[in-house]
Amino acid sequence: MERPFEPRNTRRARDLRQQATPAETKLWQSLSKNQLDGFKFSRQIPIGPYFADFVCRSAKLVVEIDGPSHDVQVEYDCVRTEWIEAQGYRLIRFTNGDVMQNLEGVLVMIGEVLTDMSLPTPNPSRLREGNR
């Protein structure tokens, strides 16, 4: 059965990218162009009704950078996290302060999560398996 076409809100994603916080811009400089262990990240990606700050689709990892507004929307963030994780993603959060004051530590943590996640490995070569 063919999936129905669901338009993506690319205008909103573009607006969010253009209005990035200093912390988002700083982290993006380290995540863009496959700089983190060769993993490709995208930013401000719609996942259902929500926009994720950074997404590594191959690993199904969402990285969120939380500013002060998240302190007053804890319930909303919990619902949002549950929904995104129900779609098969793992979501990790950092604060603006984490990124601005300890970027290297944030990158190490993201790298560790990527390493710990069980990514599918390529099918082994039939020649190596002994099947000819």
N, C-alpha and C. Protein backbone atom coordinates (compact mmCIF):
# COMPACT_ATOMS: atom_id res chain seq x y z
N MET A 1 0.85 -1.19 0.00
CA MET A 1 0.00 0.00 0.00
C MET A 1 0.89 1.25 0.00
N GLU A 2 0.59 2.18 -0.82
CA GLU A 2 1.38 3.39 -0.95
C GLU A 2 1.09 4.34 0.20
N ARG A 3 2.17 4.90 0.77
CA ARG A 3 2.01 5.88 1.84
C ARG A 3 1.47 7.18 1.30
N PRO A 4 0.53 7.80 2.01
CA PRO A 4 0.02 9.09 1.53
C PRO A 4 1.12 10.15 1.65
N PHE A 5 1.11 11.08 0.72
CA PHE A 5 2.07 12.17 0.74
C PHE A 5 1.78 13.09 1.92
N GLU A 6 2.81 13.34 2.70
CA GLU A 6 2.68 14.28 3.81
C GLU A 6 3.69 15.39 3.60
N PRO A 7 3.23 16.59 3.28
CA PRO A 7 4.16 17.68 3.03
C PRO A 7 4.94 18.04 4.30
N ARG A 8 6.23 18.33 4.12
CA ARG A 8 7.06 18.75 5.24
C ARG A 8 7.02 20.26 5.34
N ASN A 9 7.05 20.76 6.53
CA ASN A 9 7.00 22.19 6.75
C ASN A 9 8.41 22.77 6.58
N THR A 10 8.87 22.82 5.34
CA THR A 10 10.23 23.26 5.09
C THR A 10 10.42 24.75 5.37
N ARG A 11 9.37 25.53 5.19
CA ARG A 11 9.48 26.97 5.49
C ARG A 11 9.78 27.17 6.98
N ARG A 12 9.07 26.46 7.84
CA ARG A 12 9.30 26.58 9.28
C ARG A 12 10.70 26.09 9.64
N ALA A 13 11.14 24.99 9.03
CA ALA A 13 12.49 24.47 9.29
C ALA A 13 13.53 25.50 8.88
N ARG A 14 13.35 26.12 7.74
CA ARG A 14 14.29 27.14 7.27
C ARG A 14 14.32 28.32 8.23
N ASP A 15 13.14 28.76 8.69
CA ASP A 15 13.07 29.86 9.66
C ASP A 15 13.81 29.50 10.94
N LEU A 16 13.62 28.29 11.43
CA LEU A 16 14.30 27.86 12.65
C LEU A 16 15.82 27.83 12.46
N ARG A 17 16.28 27.39 11.30
CA ARG A 17 17.73 27.38 11.03
C ARG A 17 18.29 28.80 11.01
N GLN A 18 17.52 29.73 10.43
CA GLN A 18 17.99 31.12 10.35
C GLN A 18 17.94 31.82 11.70
N GLN A 19 17.13 31.31 12.63
CA GLN A 19 17.00 31.92 13.96
C GLN A 19 17.73 31.10 15.02
N ALA A 20 18.73 30.35 14.63
CA ALA A 20 19.44 29.47 15.56
C ALA A 20 20.04 30.27 16.71
N THR A 21 20.01 29.65 17.87
CA THR A 21 20.64 30.26 19.04
C THR A 21 22.16 30.15 18.90
N PRO A 22 22.91 30.96 19.66
CA PRO A 22 24.38 30.82 19.60
C PRO A 22 24.85 29.40 19.94
N ALA A 23 24.18 28.74 20.87
CA ALA A 23 24.57 27.37 21.23
C ALA A 23 24.31 26.41 20.07
N GLU A 24 23.18 26.56 19.39
CA GLU A 24 22.88 25.70 18.24
C GLU A 24 23.89 25.93 17.12
N THR A 25 24.24 27.18 16.88
CA THR A 25 25.22 27.50 15.84
C THR A 25 26.57 26.89 16.18
N LYS A 26 26.97 27.00 17.43
CA LYS A 26 28.27 26.46 17.86
C LYS A 26 28.31 24.94 17.71
N LEU A 27 27.25 24.26 18.14
CA LEU A 27 27.23 22.80 18.02
C LEU A 27 27.18 22.39 16.54
N TRP A 28 26.42 23.12 15.72
CA TRP A 28 26.31 22.78 14.31
C TRP A 28 27.67 22.86 13.62
N GLN A 29 28.51 23.80 14.02
CA GLN A 29 29.84 23.91 13.43
C GLN A 29 30.66 22.63 13.64
N SER A 30 30.35 21.87 14.68
CA SER A 30 31.07 20.62 14.95
C SER A 30 30.34 19.39 14.42
N LEU A 31 29.04 19.48 14.17
CA LEU A 31 28.28 18.33 13.69
C LEU A 31 28.13 18.30 12.18
N SER A 32 28.20 19.46 11.54
CA SER A 32 27.97 19.51 10.09
C SER A 32 29.10 18.82 9.34
N LYS A 33 28.82 18.47 8.12
CA LYS A 33 29.81 17.88 7.20
C LYS A 33 30.42 16.59 7.74
N ASN A 34 29.62 15.78 8.44
CA ASN A 34 30.04 14.45 8.92
C ASN A 34 31.29 14.51 9.80
N GLN A 35 31.47 15.60 10.53
CA GLN A 35 32.67 15.77 11.33
C GLN A 35 32.74 14.89 12.56
N LEU A 36 31.61 14.41 13.05
CA LEU A 36 31.61 13.60 14.26
C LEU A 36 31.61 12.13 13.87
N ASP A 37 32.77 11.53 13.84
CA ASP A 37 32.94 10.11 13.53
C ASP A 37 32.28 9.69 12.22
N GLY A 38 32.13 10.63 11.29
CA GLY A 38 31.55 10.31 9.99
C GLY A 38 30.04 10.24 9.97
N PHE A 39 29.38 10.53 11.09
CA PHE A 39 27.92 10.51 11.14
C PHE A 39 27.36 11.79 10.54
N LYS A 40 26.32 11.65 9.73
CA LYS A 40 25.68 12.80 9.10
C LYS A 40 24.55 13.30 9.98
N PHE A 41 24.62 14.57 10.33
CA PHE A 41 23.57 15.22 11.08
C PHE A 41 22.89 16.27 10.21
N SER A 42 21.61 16.45 10.46
CA SER A 42 20.83 17.52 9.85
C SER A 42 20.26 18.34 10.99
N ARG A 43 19.88 19.57 10.69
CA ARG A 43 19.34 20.41 11.77
C ARG A 43 17.95 20.91 11.44
N GLN A 44 17.20 21.12 12.51
CA GLN A 44 15.80 21.58 12.43
C GLN A 44 15.00 20.71 11.46
N ILE A 45 14.93 19.44 11.79
CA ILE A 45 14.25 18.45 10.96
C ILE A 45 12.89 18.14 11.55
N PRO A 46 11.84 18.21 10.74
CA PRO A 46 10.53 17.83 11.26
C PRO A 46 10.44 16.33 11.48
N ILE A 47 9.99 15.97 12.66
CA ILE A 47 9.67 14.57 12.99
C ILE A 47 8.23 14.61 13.48
N GLY A 48 7.34 14.21 12.61
CA GLY A 48 5.92 14.33 12.94
C GLY A 48 5.58 15.79 13.16
N PRO A 49 4.88 16.09 14.26
CA PRO A 49 4.47 17.46 14.51
C PRO A 49 5.56 18.32 15.16
N TYR A 50 6.73 17.74 15.41
CA TYR A 50 7.80 18.44 16.12
C TYR A 50 9.00 18.70 15.22
N PHE A 51 9.83 19.65 15.63
CA PHE A 51 11.10 19.91 14.95
C PHE A 51 12.23 19.54 15.90
N ALA A 52 13.15 18.74 15.41
CA ALA A 52 14.30 18.33 16.21
C ALA A 52 15.47 19.25 15.88
N ASP A 53 16.20 19.69 16.91
CA ASP A 53 17.34 20.57 16.68
C ASP A 53 18.36 19.91 15.75
N PHE A 54 18.79 18.69 16.09
CA PHE A 54 19.76 17.96 15.29
C PHE A 54 19.33 16.50 15.21
N VAL A 55 19.46 15.90 14.03
CA VAL A 55 19.06 14.50 13.83
C VAL A 55 20.15 13.78 13.05
N CYS A 56 20.53 12.61 13.56
CA CYS A 56 21.35 11.68 12.80
C CYS A 56 20.39 10.56 12.39
N ARG A 57 19.93 10.61 11.16
CA ARG A 57 18.91 9.66 10.71
C ARG A 57 19.41 8.22 10.71
N SER A 58 20.67 8.00 10.31
CA SER A 58 21.18 6.63 10.23
C SER A 58 21.21 5.96 11.59
N ALA A 59 21.45 6.74 12.64
CA ALA A 59 21.49 6.18 13.99
C ALA A 59 20.18 6.39 14.73
N LYS A 60 19.25 7.14 14.11
CA LYS A 60 17.97 7.49 14.74
C LYS A 60 18.22 8.17 16.09
N LEU A 61 19.12 9.16 16.06
CA LEU A 61 19.46 9.93 17.26
C LEU A 61 19.04 11.38 17.07
N VAL A 62 18.34 11.91 18.08
CA VAL A 62 17.95 13.31 18.11
C VAL A 62 18.72 13.98 19.24
N VAL A 63 19.33 15.13 18.93
CA VAL A 63 20.05 15.91 19.93
C VAL A 63 19.31 17.24 20.08
N GLU A 64 18.90 17.54 21.29
CA GLU A 64 18.18 18.78 21.57
C GLU A 64 19.04 19.69 22.44
N ILE A 65 19.00 20.99 22.14
CA ILE A 65 19.69 22.00 22.93
C ILE A 65 18.60 22.83 23.59
N ASP A 66 18.57 22.79 24.92
CA ASP A 66 17.51 23.46 25.67
C ASP A 66 17.97 24.78 26.25
N GLY A 67 17.20 25.81 25.97
CA GLY A 67 17.43 27.12 26.56
C GLY A 67 16.53 27.32 27.77
N PRO A 68 16.49 28.52 28.30
CA PRO A 68 15.71 28.80 29.51
C PRO A 68 14.22 28.54 29.35
N SER A 69 13.68 28.63 28.14
CA SER A 69 12.24 28.43 27.95
C SER A 69 11.83 27.00 28.29
N HIS A 70 12.77 26.06 28.22
CA HIS A 70 12.43 24.67 28.51
C HIS A 70 12.18 24.44 30.01
N ASP A 71 12.64 25.37 30.85
CA ASP A 71 12.40 25.26 32.28
C ASP A 71 10.92 25.38 32.63
N VAL A 72 10.16 26.08 31.79
CA VAL A 72 8.74 26.30 32.07
C VAL A 72 7.83 25.42 31.22
N GLN A 73 8.41 24.60 30.37
CA GLN A 73 7.58 23.73 29.53
C GLN A 73 7.99 22.27 29.70
N VAL A 74 8.22 21.88 30.94
CA VAL A 74 8.69 20.53 31.24
C VAL A 74 7.69 19.47 30.77
N GLU A 75 6.41 19.68 31.02
CA GLU A 75 5.40 18.70 30.62
C GLU A 75 5.35 18.55 29.10
N TYR A 76 5.39 19.67 28.38
CA TYR A 76 5.40 19.64 26.92
C TYR A 76 6.62 18.86 26.42
N ASP A 77 7.79 19.12 27.00
CA ASP A 77 9.01 18.42 26.58
C ASP A 77 8.91 16.93 26.84
N CYS A 78 8.28 16.53 27.94
CA CYS A 78 8.12 15.10 28.24
C CYS A 78 7.24 14.43 27.19
N VAL A 79 6.12 15.07 26.85
CA VAL A 79 5.22 14.52 25.83
C VAL A 79 5.93 14.43 24.49
N ARG A 80 6.66 15.48 24.15
CA ARG A 80 7.40 15.54 22.88
C ARG A 80 8.46 14.44 22.83
N THR A 81 9.21 14.28 23.91
CA THR A 81 10.25 13.24 23.97
C THR A 81 9.63 11.86 23.81
N GLU A 82 8.54 11.60 24.52
CA GLU A 82 7.87 10.30 24.43
C GLU A 82 7.41 10.02 23.00
N TRP A 83 6.86 11.03 22.34
CA TRP A 83 6.36 10.85 20.98
C TRP A 83 7.52 10.54 20.03
N ILE A 84 8.59 11.31 20.12
CA ILE A 84 9.75 11.11 19.23
C ILE A 84 10.37 9.74 19.48
N GLU A 85 10.50 9.35 20.74
CA GLU A 85 11.07 8.04 21.05
C GLU A 85 10.16 6.91 20.59
N ALA A 86 8.86 7.13 20.59
CA ALA A 86 7.92 6.12 20.10
C ALA A 86 8.08 5.91 18.59
N GLN A 87 8.70 6.87 17.90
CA GLN A 87 8.97 6.73 16.47
C GLN A 87 10.29 5.99 16.21
N GLY A 88 10.94 5.54 17.29
CA GLY A 88 12.17 4.76 17.14
C GLY A 88 13.45 5.56 17.32
N TYR A 89 13.34 6.82 17.69
CA TYR A 89 14.52 7.66 17.89
C TYR A 89 14.95 7.62 19.36
N ARG A 90 16.22 7.84 19.57
CA ARG A 90 16.72 8.10 20.93
C ARG A 90 16.96 9.60 21.00
N LEU A 91 16.54 10.23 22.09
CA LEU A 91 16.66 11.67 22.24
C LEU A 91 17.54 11.99 23.42
N ILE A 92 18.55 12.82 23.20
CA ILE A 92 19.39 13.29 24.30
C ILE A 92 19.36 14.81 24.32
N ARG A 93 19.48 15.37 25.52
CA ARG A 93 19.36 16.81 25.71
C ARG A 93 20.61 17.39 26.36
N PHE A 94 20.92 18.61 25.94
CA PHE A 94 21.97 19.40 26.56
C PHE A 94 21.43 20.81 26.75
N THR A 95 21.99 21.54 27.66
CA THR A 95 21.58 22.93 27.85
C THR A 95 22.47 23.83 26.99
N ASN A 96 21.99 25.06 26.79
CA ASN A 96 22.82 26.05 26.10
C ASN A 96 24.17 26.19 26.81
N GLY A 97 24.14 26.20 28.13
CA GLY A 97 25.37 26.33 28.91
C GLY A 97 26.33 25.18 28.67
N ASP A 98 25.79 23.95 28.58
CA ASP A 98 26.65 22.80 28.29
C ASP A 98 27.43 23.03 27.01
N VAL A 99 26.73 23.47 25.97
CA VAL A 99 27.36 23.66 24.66
C VAL A 99 28.35 24.81 24.69
N MET A 100 27.95 25.92 25.28
CA MET A 100 28.80 27.11 25.27
C MET A 100 30.04 26.96 26.16
N GLN A 101 29.91 26.23 27.26
CA GLN A 101 31.02 26.14 28.21
C GLN A 101 31.81 24.84 28.12
N ASN A 102 31.23 23.81 27.48
CA ASN A 102 31.91 22.52 27.43
C ASN A 102 31.58 21.78 26.13
N LEU A 103 31.84 22.43 25.01
CA LEU A 103 31.51 21.83 23.71
C LEU A 103 32.19 20.48 23.54
N GLU A 104 33.45 20.39 23.91
CA GLU A 104 34.18 19.13 23.74
C GLU A 104 33.50 18.00 24.52
N GLY A 105 33.06 18.28 25.74
CA GLY A 105 32.35 17.27 26.54
C GLY A 105 31.04 16.85 25.90
N VAL A 106 30.31 17.81 25.32
CA VAL A 106 29.06 17.50 24.64
C VAL A 106 29.33 16.59 23.44
N LEU A 107 30.36 16.90 22.67
CA LEU A 107 30.70 16.08 21.50
C LEU A 107 31.12 14.68 21.91
N VAL A 108 31.86 14.58 23.02
CA VAL A 108 32.26 13.25 23.51
C VAL A 108 31.02 12.45 23.90
N MET A 109 30.08 13.10 24.59
CA MET A 109 28.85 12.40 25.00
C MET A 109 28.05 11.94 23.78
N ILE A 110 27.91 12.79 22.78
CA ILE A 110 27.17 12.41 21.58
C ILE A 110 27.88 11.24 20.91
N GLY A 111 29.21 11.32 20.82
CA GLY A 111 29.98 10.23 20.22
C GLY A 111 29.82 8.93 20.97
N GLU A 112 29.79 8.99 22.30
CA GLU A 112 29.61 7.78 23.10
C GLU A 112 28.22 7.18 22.88
N VAL A 113 27.21 8.03 22.79
CA VAL A 113 25.85 7.53 22.54
C VAL A 113 25.81 6.84 21.17
N LEU A 114 26.42 7.46 20.17
CA LEU A 114 26.44 6.86 18.84
C LEU A 114 27.16 5.52 18.86
N THR A 115 28.25 5.45 19.59
CA THR A 115 29.02 4.20 19.69
C THR A 115 28.22 3.13 20.41
N ASP A 116 27.52 3.52 21.47
CA ASP A 116 26.76 2.56 22.27
C ASP A 116 25.50 2.05 21.57
N MET A 117 24.98 2.84 20.67
CA MET A 117 23.75 2.43 19.98
C MET A 117 24.08 1.27 19.06
N SER A 118 23.20 0.33 19.03
CA SER A 118 23.45 -0.84 18.19
C SER A 118 23.05 -0.54 16.75
N LEU A 119 24.03 -0.07 16.00
CA LEU A 119 23.79 0.22 14.59
C LEU A 119 23.92 -1.07 13.79
N PRO A 120 23.10 -1.24 12.79
CA PRO A 120 23.23 -2.45 11.97
C PRO A 120 24.57 -2.45 11.25
N THR A 121 25.16 -3.61 11.19
CA THR A 121 26.42 -3.74 10.48
C THR A 121 26.15 -4.24 9.08
N PRO A 122 27.04 -3.95 8.14
CA PRO A 122 26.81 -4.42 6.78
C PRO A 122 26.82 -5.95 6.73
N ASN A 123 26.13 -6.51 5.75
CA ASN A 123 26.13 -7.96 5.58
C ASN A 123 27.54 -8.43 5.30
N PRO A 124 27.97 -9.50 5.97
CA PRO A 124 29.32 -9.97 5.72
C PRO A 124 29.45 -10.52 4.29
N SER A 125 30.64 -10.47 3.79
CA SER A 125 30.91 -10.98 2.45
C SER A 125 30.70 -12.49 2.43
N ARG A 126 30.07 -12.97 1.37
CA ARG A 126 29.87 -14.42 1.25
C ARG A 126 31.20 -15.15 1.16
N LEU A 127 32.18 -14.49 0.57
CA LEU A 127 33.50 -15.10 0.44
C LEU A 127 34.10 -15.32 1.83
N ARG A 128 33.94 -14.35 2.71
CA ARG A 128 34.49 -14.49 4.07
C ARG A 128 33.73 -15.57 4.83
N GLU A 129 32.45 -15.75 4.54
CA GLU A 129 31.67 -16.77 5.24
C GLU A 129 32.03 -18.18 4.76
N GLY A 130 32.74 -18.26 3.66
CA GLY A 130 33.08 -19.56 3.12
C GLY A 130 32.08 -20.06 2.11
N ASN A 131 31.04 -19.30 1.80
CA ASN A 131 30.05 -19.72 0.80
C ASN A 131 30.52 -19.23 -0.57
N ARG A 132 30.66 -20.15 -1.47
CA ARG A 132 31.10 -19.75 -2.81
C ARG A 132 30.05 -20.11 -3.82
